Amino acid sequence: MEAYYEPTFSGYSHGFRPGRGCHTALREVERTWTGTVWFVEGDISDCFGSLDHDIMIKILGENIRDNRFLRMIRNMLTAGYLEDWRYHQSLSGSPQGGVVSPILSNIYLDKLDVFVETVLIPQYTRGERRKPNTEYWRIHSRIWRARERGDRDAVRALRRELRQLPSCDPQDPGYRRLKYTRYADDHLLDPAGGCGSTWGGRRGRR
């Protein structure tokens, strides 16, 4: 299943995948979510325990035509469990710690990745770039004038003030972006996009 499904998974997915993990998800946020002030965190409660068996088999059946294989997966999901020598039915979910559970959860949650990538991100994307922040560039001009005068103290003070401001307007209604990443059942959405300071050739981060 991993050999078949792994190449089809979204690049936004980092959990239970070869060469990926929580560190790759964090690196993506660190390197590309510049200027992020706030984000929306999502966590699916009891992810493994709440997978719907019928939906899971339906998703698998979209690409797998082997009914014997699908029947084996369903039998595994509905096998039940023993607790204190008493049998309990498995009405939903996949066994926590089961060998196949991670790949099944990724197949299930890939629907979320596809929805965000093909519906939410295009709907939320607007504009080519943010409007410039007039206050930022006003101070920028004052720095150059202070340099021409040779006023080093003023330059240092204005630089400190400049570093506190974004170079573009973070509230520009004509520009917006949506960033997304997922590790297992934990996912982050950044509806603000990014806008950082450009002083000194570096983008400011918050």
C-alpha atoms as a PDB file:
ATOM      1  CA  MET A   1       0.000   0.000   0.000  1.00  0.00           C
ATOM      2  CA  GLU A   2       2.828   2.396   0.788  1.00  0.00           C
ATOM      3  CA  ALA A   3       4.503   1.716  -2.581  1.00  0.00           C
ATOM      4  CA  TYR A   4       1.242   2.516  -4.362  1.00  0.00           C
ATOM      5  CA  TYR A   5      -0.036   5.497  -2.363  1.00  0.00           C
ATOM      6  CA  GLU A   6       3.162   7.263  -1.251  1.00  0.00           C
ATOM      7  CA  PRO A   7       3.844   8.941  -4.650  1.00  0.00           C
ATOM      8  CA  THR A   8       0.267  10.279  -4.712  1.00  0.00           C
ATOM      9  CA  PHE A   9       0.307  11.997  -1.312  1.00  0.00           C
ATOM     10  CA  SER A  10       0.377  15.777  -1.026  1.00  0.00           C
ATOM     11  CA  GLY A  11       3.588  17.662  -0.347  1.00  0.00           C
ATOM     12  CA  TYR A  12       1.778  19.270   2.598  1.00  0.00           C
ATOM     13  CA  SER A  13       1.698  15.903   4.428  1.00  0.00           C
ATOM     14  CA  HIS A  14       4.630  15.042   6.719  1.00  0.00           C
ATOM     15  CA  GLY A  15       3.441  12.317   9.099  1.00  0.00           C
ATOM     16  CA  PHE A  16       4.250   8.586   8.785  1.00  0.00           C
ATOM     17  CA  ARG A  17       6.098   9.026   5.487  1.00  0.00           C
ATOM     18  CA  PRO A  18       9.609   7.975   4.394  1.00  0.00           C
ATOM     19  CA  GLY A  19      12.078  10.830   4.783  1.00  0.00           C
ATOM     20  CA  ARG A  20       9.448  13.030   6.418  1.00  0.00           C
ATOM     21  CA  GLY A  21       8.380  13.754   9.967  1.00  0.00           C
ATOM     22  CA  CYS A  22       7.711  16.483  12.496  1.00  0.00           C
ATOM     23  CA  HIS A  23      11.101  18.073  11.778  1.00  0.00           C
ATOM     24  CA  THR A  24      10.411  18.484   8.042  1.00  0.00           C
ATOM     25  CA  ALA A  25       7.039  20.038   8.888  1.00  0.00           C
ATOM     26  CA  LEU A  26       8.696  22.471  11.314  1.00  0.00           C
ATOM     27  CA  ARG A  27      11.410  23.342   8.773  1.00  0.00           C
ATOM     28  CA  GLU A  28       8.752  24.155   6.189  1.00  0.00           C
ATOM     29  CA  VAL A  29       7.032  26.501   8.644  1.00  0.00           C
ATOM     30  CA  GLU A  30      10.343  28.101   9.637  1.00  0.00           C
ATOM     31  CA  ARG A  31      11.563  28.684   6.078  1.00  0.00           C
ATOM     32  CA  THR A  32       8.406  29.626   4.201  1.00  0.00           C
ATOM     33  CA  TRP A  33       5.928  31.020   6.741  1.00  0.00           C
ATOM     34  CA  THR A  34       7.783  34.331   7.034  1.00  0.00           C
ATOM     35  CA  GLY A  35       5.905  37.193   8.634  1.00  0.00           C
ATOM     36  CA  THR A  36       3.359  34.894  10.282  1.00  0.00           C
ATOM     37  CA  VAL A  37       1.682  36.611  13.224  1.00  0.00           C
ATOM     38  CA  TRP A  38      -1.006  34.022  14.026  1.00  0.00           C
ATOM     39  CA  PHE A  39      -2.245  30.695  12.690  1.00  0.00           C
ATOM     40  CA  VAL A  40      -5.078  28.211  13.118  1.00  0.00           C
ATOM     41  CA  GLU A  41      -4.164  24.861  14.699  1.00  0.00           C
ATOM     42  CA  GLY A  42      -6.293  21.792  14.046  1.00  0.00           C
ATOM     43  CA  ASP A  43      -6.158  18.416  15.790  1.00  0.00           C
ATOM     44  CA  ILE A  44      -8.529  15.563  14.945  1.00  0.00           C
ATOM     45  CA  SER A  45      -9.753  14.065  18.204  1.00  0.00           C
ATOM     46  CA  ASP A  46      -9.108  10.313  18.450  1.00  0.00           C
ATOM     47  CA  CYS A  47      -8.001  10.132  14.817  1.00  0.00           C
ATOM     48  CA  PHE A  48      -7.125   6.428  14.704  1.00  0.00           C
ATOM     49  CA  GLY A  49     -10.115   5.459  16.793  1.00  0.00           C
ATOM     50  CA  SER A  50     -12.671   7.399  14.749  1.00  0.00           C
ATOM     51  CA  LEU A  51     -11.904   6.309  11.171  1.00  0.00           C
ATOM     52  CA  ASP A  52     -15.170   5.258   9.561  1.00  0.00           C
ATOM     53  CA  HIS A  53     -14.769   1.727   8.177  1.00  0.00           C
ATOM     54  CA  ASP A  54     -17.214   2.171   5.300  1.00  0.00           C
ATOM     55  CA  ILE A  55     -15.608   5.426   4.185  1.00  0.00           C
ATOM     56  CA  MET A  56     -12.141   3.891   4.496  1.00  0.00           C
ATOM     57  CA  ILE A  57     -13.061   0.940   2.269  1.00  0.00           C
ATOM     58  CA  LYS A  58     -14.777   3.296  -0.195  1.00  0.00           C
ATOM     59  CA  ILE A  59     -11.635   5.430  -0.468  1.00  0.00           C
ATOM     60  CA  LEU A  60      -9.467   2.338  -0.998  1.00  0.00           C
ATOM     61  CA  GLY A  61     -11.944   1.044  -3.593  1.00  0.00           C
ATOM     62  CA  GLU A  62     -11.469   4.165  -5.711  1.00  0.00           C
ATOM     63  CA  ASN A  63      -8.092   2.843  -6.875  1.00  0.00           C
ATOM     64  CA  ILE A  64      -7.865  -0.777  -5.707  1.00  0.00           C
ATOM     65  CA  ARG A  65      -9.976  -3.272  -7.646  1.00  0.00           C
ATOM     66  CA  ASP A  66      -8.914  -6.379  -5.717  1.00  0.00           C
ATOM     67  CA  ASN A  67     -11.986  -7.339  -3.674  1.00  0.00           C
ATOM     68  CA  ARG A  68     -10.064  -9.990  -1.754  1.00  0.00           C
ATOM     69  CA  PHE A  69      -7.603  -7.365  -0.563  1.00  0.00           C
ATOM     70  CA  LEU A  70     -10.389  -4.949   0.372  1.00  0.00           C
ATOM     71  CA  ARG A  71     -12.188  -7.723   2.250  1.00  0.00           C
ATOM     72  CA  MET A  72      -8.991  -8.504   4.165  1.00  0.00           C
ATOM     73  CA  ILE A  73      -8.641  -4.837   5.190  1.00  0.00           C
ATOM     74  CA  ARG A  74     -12.273  -4.698   6.305  1.00  0.00           C
ATOM     75  CA  ASN A  75     -11.870  -7.919   8.321  1.00  0.00           C
ATOM     76  CA  MET A  76      -8.808  -6.473  10.012  1.00  0.00           C
ATOM     77  CA  LEU A  77     -10.635  -3.251  10.874  1.00  0.00           C
ATOM     78  CA  THR A  78     -13.676  -5.069  12.282  1.00  0.00           C
ATOM     79  CA  ALA A  79     -11.833  -7.927  14.013  1.00  0.00           C
ATOM     80  CA  GLY A  80     -12.548  -6.559  17.488  1.00  0.00           C
ATOM     81  CA  TYR A  81     -10.355  -6.891  20.550  1.00  0.00           C
ATOM     82  CA  LEU A  82     -10.096  -8.628  23.922  1.00  0.00           C
ATOM     83  CA  GLU A  83     -10.004  -6.745  27.199  1.00  0.00           C
ATOM     84  CA  ASP A  84      -9.984  -8.681  30.468  1.00  0.00           C
ATOM     85  CA  TRP A  85     -10.804 -11.753  28.371  1.00  0.00           C
ATOM     86  CA  ARG A  86     -13.963 -10.137  27.086  1.00  0.00           C
ATOM     87  CA  TYR A  87     -14.534  -9.600  23.371  1.00  0.00           C
ATOM     88  CA  HIS A  88     -15.413  -6.085  22.151  1.00  0.00           C
ATOM     89  CA  GLN A  89     -16.488  -5.157  18.646  1.00  0.00           C
ATOM     90  CA  SER A  90     -14.527  -2.641  16.565  1.00  0.00           C
ATOM     91  CA  LEU A  91     -17.275  -0.384  15.262  1.00  0.00           C
ATOM     92  CA  SER A  92     -14.876   2.257  13.970  1.00  0.00           C
ATOM     93  CA  GLY A  93     -11.210   3.153  13.864  1.00  0.00           C
ATOM     94  CA  SER A  94      -7.958   1.384  13.166  1.00  0.00           C
ATOM     95  CA  PRO A  95      -5.849  -0.221  15.934  1.00  0.00           C
ATOM     96  CA  GLN A  96      -3.533   2.267  17.633  1.00  0.00           C
ATOM     97  CA  GLY A  97      -0.023   0.977  16.985  1.00  0.00           C
ATOM     98  CA  GLY A  98      -1.150  -1.328  14.194  1.00  0.00           C
ATOM     99  CA  VAL A  99       1.331  -1.759  11.334  1.00  0.00           C
ATOM    100  CA  VAL A 100      -1.158  -0.639   8.694  1.00  0.00           C
ATOM    101  CA  SER A 101      -2.812   2.130  10.721  1.00  0.00           C
ATOM    102  CA  PRO A 102      -0.386   4.955   9.759  1.00  0.00           C
ATOM    103  CA  ILE A 103      -0.758   4.408   6.002  1.00  0.00           C
ATOM    104  CA  LEU A 104      -4.534   4.046   6.359  1.00  0.00           C
ATOM    105  CA  SER A 105      -4.747   7.337   8.254  1.00  0.00           C
ATOM    106  CA  ASN A 106      -2.698   9.090   5.561  1.00  0.00           C
ATOM    107  CA  ILE A 107      -4.947   7.676   2.837  1.00  0.00           C
ATOM    108  CA  TYR A 108      -7.981   8.883   4.792  1.00  0.00           C
ATOM    109  CA  LEU A 109      -6.595  12.344   5.572  1.00  0.00           C
ATOM    110  CA  ASP A 110      -5.256  12.826   2.047  1.00  0.00           C
ATOM    111  CA  LYS A 111      -8.829  13.895   1.248  1.00  0.00           C
ATOM    112  CA  LEU A 112      -8.304  16.830   3.633  1.00  0.00           C
ATOM    113  CA  ASP A 113      -4.986  17.718   1.956  1.00  0.00           C
ATOM    114  CA  VAL A 114      -6.566  17.640  -1.495  1.00  0.00           C
ATOM    115  CA  PHE A 115      -9.503  19.790  -0.337  1.00  0.00           C
ATOM    116  CA  VAL A 116      -7.198  22.437   1.149  1.00  0.00           C
ATOM    117  CA  GLU A 117      -4.873  22.371  -1.872  1.00  0.00           C
ATOM    118  CA  THR A 118      -7.511  22.463  -4.613  1.00  0.00           C
ATOM    119  CA  VAL A 119     -10.379  24.385  -2.962  1.00  0.00           C
ATOM    120  CA  LEU A 120      -9.366  26.465   0.062  1.00  0.00           C
ATOM    121  CA  ILE A 121      -5.976  27.756  -1.148  1.00  0.00           C
ATOM    122  CA  PRO A 122      -7.260  28.896  -4.592  1.00  0.00           C
ATOM    123  CA  GLN A 123     -10.320  30.497  -2.979  1.00  0.00           C
ATOM    124  CA  TYR A 124      -8.217  32.341  -0.428  1.00  0.00           C
ATOM    125  CA  THR A 125      -5.487  33.540  -2.830  1.00  0.00           C
ATOM    126  CA  ARG A 126      -5.833  37.153  -3.957  1.00  0.00           C
ATOM    127  CA  GLY A 127      -3.490  39.785  -5.400  1.00  0.00           C
ATOM    128  CA  GLU A 128       0.095  39.681  -6.673  1.00  0.00           C
ATOM    129  CA  ARG A 129       1.790  41.514  -3.802  1.00  0.00           C
ATOM    130  CA  ARG A 130       0.916  43.614  -0.775  1.00  0.00           C
ATOM    131  CA  LYS A 131       0.794  47.400  -0.874  1.00  0.00           C
ATOM    132  CA  PRO A 132       3.906  49.063   0.564  1.00  0.00           C
ATOM    133  CA  ASN A 133       3.783  50.251   4.154  1.00  0.00           C
ATOM    134  CA  THR A 134       4.099  54.026   3.836  1.00  0.00           C
ATOM    135  CA  GLU A 135       5.428  54.428   7.393  1.00  0.00           C
ATOM    136  CA  TYR A 136       8.205  51.885   6.753  1.00  0.00           C
ATOM    137  CA  TRP A 137       9.399  53.646   3.603  1.00  0.00           C
ATOM    138  CA  ARG A 138       9.082  57.076   5.224  1.00  0.00           C
ATOM    139  CA  ILE A 139      11.549  55.990   7.927  1.00  0.00           C
ATOM    140  CA  HIS A 140      13.686  54.347   5.235  1.00  0.00           C
ATOM    141  CA  SER A 141      14.001  57.742   3.482  1.00  0.00           C
ATOM    142  CA  ARG A 142      14.861  59.433   6.783  1.00  0.00           C
ATOM    143  CA  ILE A 143      17.737  56.964   7.265  1.00  0.00           C
ATOM    144  CA  TRP A 144      19.256  57.876   3.908  1.00  0.00           C
ATOM    145  CA  ARG A 145      18.944  61.595   4.664  1.00  0.00           C
ATOM    146  CA  ALA A 146      20.567  61.066   8.075  1.00  0.00           C
ATOM    147  CA  ARG A 147      23.408  59.179   6.377  1.00  0.00           C
ATOM    148  CA  GLU A 148      23.975  62.040   3.979  1.00  0.00           C
ATOM    149  CA  ARG A 149      24.207  64.389   6.968  1.00  0.00           C
ATOM    150  CA  GLY A 150      26.624  62.011   8.715  1.00  0.00           C
ATOM    151  CA  ASP A 151      24.290  61.699  11.714  1.00  0.00           C
ATOM    152  CA  ARG A 152      25.177  58.182  12.889  1.00  0.00           C
ATOM    153  CA  ASP A 153      23.138  58.360  16.097  1.00  0.00           C
ATOM    154  CA  ALA A 154      19.991  59.163  14.131  1.00  0.00           C
ATOM    155  CA  VAL A 155      20.726  56.335  11.692  1.00  0.00           C
ATOM    156  CA  ARG A 156      21.042  53.783  14.526  1.00  0.00           C
ATOM    157  CA  ALA A 157      17.848  55.003  16.194  1.00  0.00           C
ATOM    158  CA  LEU A 158      15.887  54.930  12.928  1.00  0.00           C
ATOM    159  CA  ARG A 159      17.202  51.449  12.109  1.00  0.00           C
ATOM    160  CA  ARG A 160      15.870  50.140  15.417  1.00  0.00           C
ATOM    161  CA  GLU A 161      12.518  51.746  14.656  1.00  0.00           C
ATOM    162  CA  LEU A 162      12.509  50.337  11.127  1.00  0.00           C
ATOM    163  CA  ARG A 163      13.060  46.765  12.320  1.00  0.00           C
ATOM    164  CA  GLN A 164       9.759  46.905  14.187  1.00  0.00           C
ATOM    165  CA  LEU A 165       7.773  47.589  11.015  1.00  0.00           C
ATOM    166  CA  PRO A 166       6.814  45.380   8.044  1.00  0.00           C
ATOM    167  CA  SER A 167       7.856  46.689   4.630  1.00  0.00           C
ATOM    168  CA  CYS A 168       4.353  46.139   3.264  1.00  0.00           C
ATOM    169  CA  ASP A 169       0.830  46.627   4.566  1.00  0.00           C
ATOM    170  CA  PRO A 170      -0.176  43.491   6.564  1.00  0.00           C
ATOM    171  CA  GLN A 171      -3.834  44.600   6.453  1.00  0.00           C
ATOM    172  CA  ASP A 172      -3.992  45.084   2.680  1.00  0.00           C
ATOM    173  CA  PRO A 173      -7.488  43.794   1.727  1.00  0.00           C
ATOM    174  CA  GLY A 174      -6.378  43.208  -1.862  1.00  0.00           C
ATOM    175  CA  TYR A 175      -3.770  40.617  -0.930  1.00  0.00           C
ATOM    176  CA  ARG A 176      -4.074  37.347   0.964  1.00  0.00           C
ATOM    177  CA  ARG A 177      -2.523  33.898   1.002  1.00  0.00           C
ATOM    178  CA  LEU A 178      -3.259  30.617   2.784  1.00  0.00           C
ATOM    179  CA  LYS A 179      -0.473  28.317   3.957  1.00  0.00           C
ATOM    180  CA  TYR A 180      -1.070  24.775   5.180  1.00  0.00           C
ATOM    181  CA  THR A 181       0.904  21.865   6.560  1.00  0.00           C
ATOM    182  CA  ARG A 182      -0.070  18.606   8.236  1.00  0.00           C
ATOM    183  CA  TYR A 183       1.749  16.123  10.468  1.00  0.00           C
ATOM    184  CA  ALA A 184      -0.424  13.050  11.125  1.00  0.00           C
ATOM    185  CA  ASP A 185      -3.740  14.430  12.444  1.00  0.00           C
ATOM    186  CA  ASP A 186      -2.247  17.784  13.518  1.00  0.00           C
ATOM    187  CA  HIS A 187      -2.412  20.561  10.952  1.00  0.00           C
ATOM    188  CA  LEU A 188      -1.706  24.281  10.742  1.00  0.00           C
ATOM    189  CA  LEU A 189      -3.319  26.964   8.598  1.00  0.00           C
ATOM    190  CA  ASP A 190      -1.825  30.425   8.163  1.00  0.00           C
ATOM    191  CA  PRO A 191      -4.481  32.685   6.628  1.00  0.00           C
ATOM    192  CA  ALA A 192      -2.332  35.810   6.721  1.00  0.00           C
ATOM    193  CA  GLY A 193       0.453  35.001   4.262  1.00  0.00           C
ATOM    194  CA  GLY A 194       3.738  36.757   4.923  1.00  0.00           C
ATOM    195  CA  CYS A 195       5.181  40.238   4.926  1.00  0.00           C
ATOM    196  CA  GLY A 196       8.483  40.988   6.594  1.00  0.00           C
ATOM    197  CA  SER A 197      11.016  43.747   6.876  1.00  0.00           C
ATOM    198  CA  THR A 198      13.462  44.008   3.974  1.00  0.00           C
ATOM    199  CA  TRP A 199      16.053  46.124   5.802  1.00  0.00           C
ATOM    200  CA  GLY A 200      19.563  44.762   5.376  1.00  0.00           C
ATOM    201  CA  GLY A 201      18.436  42.177   2.835  1.00  0.00           C
ATOM    202  CA  ARG A 202      16.657  40.021   5.423  1.00  0.00           C
ATOM    203  CA  ARG A 203      12.985  39.270   5.894  1.00  0.00           C
ATOM    204  CA  GLY A 204      11.692  39.899   9.393  1.00  0.00           C
ATOM    205  CA  ARG A 205      10.020  37.037  11.254  1.00  0.00           C
ATOM    206  CA  ARG A 206       7.618  37.000  14.155  1.00  0.00           C
END
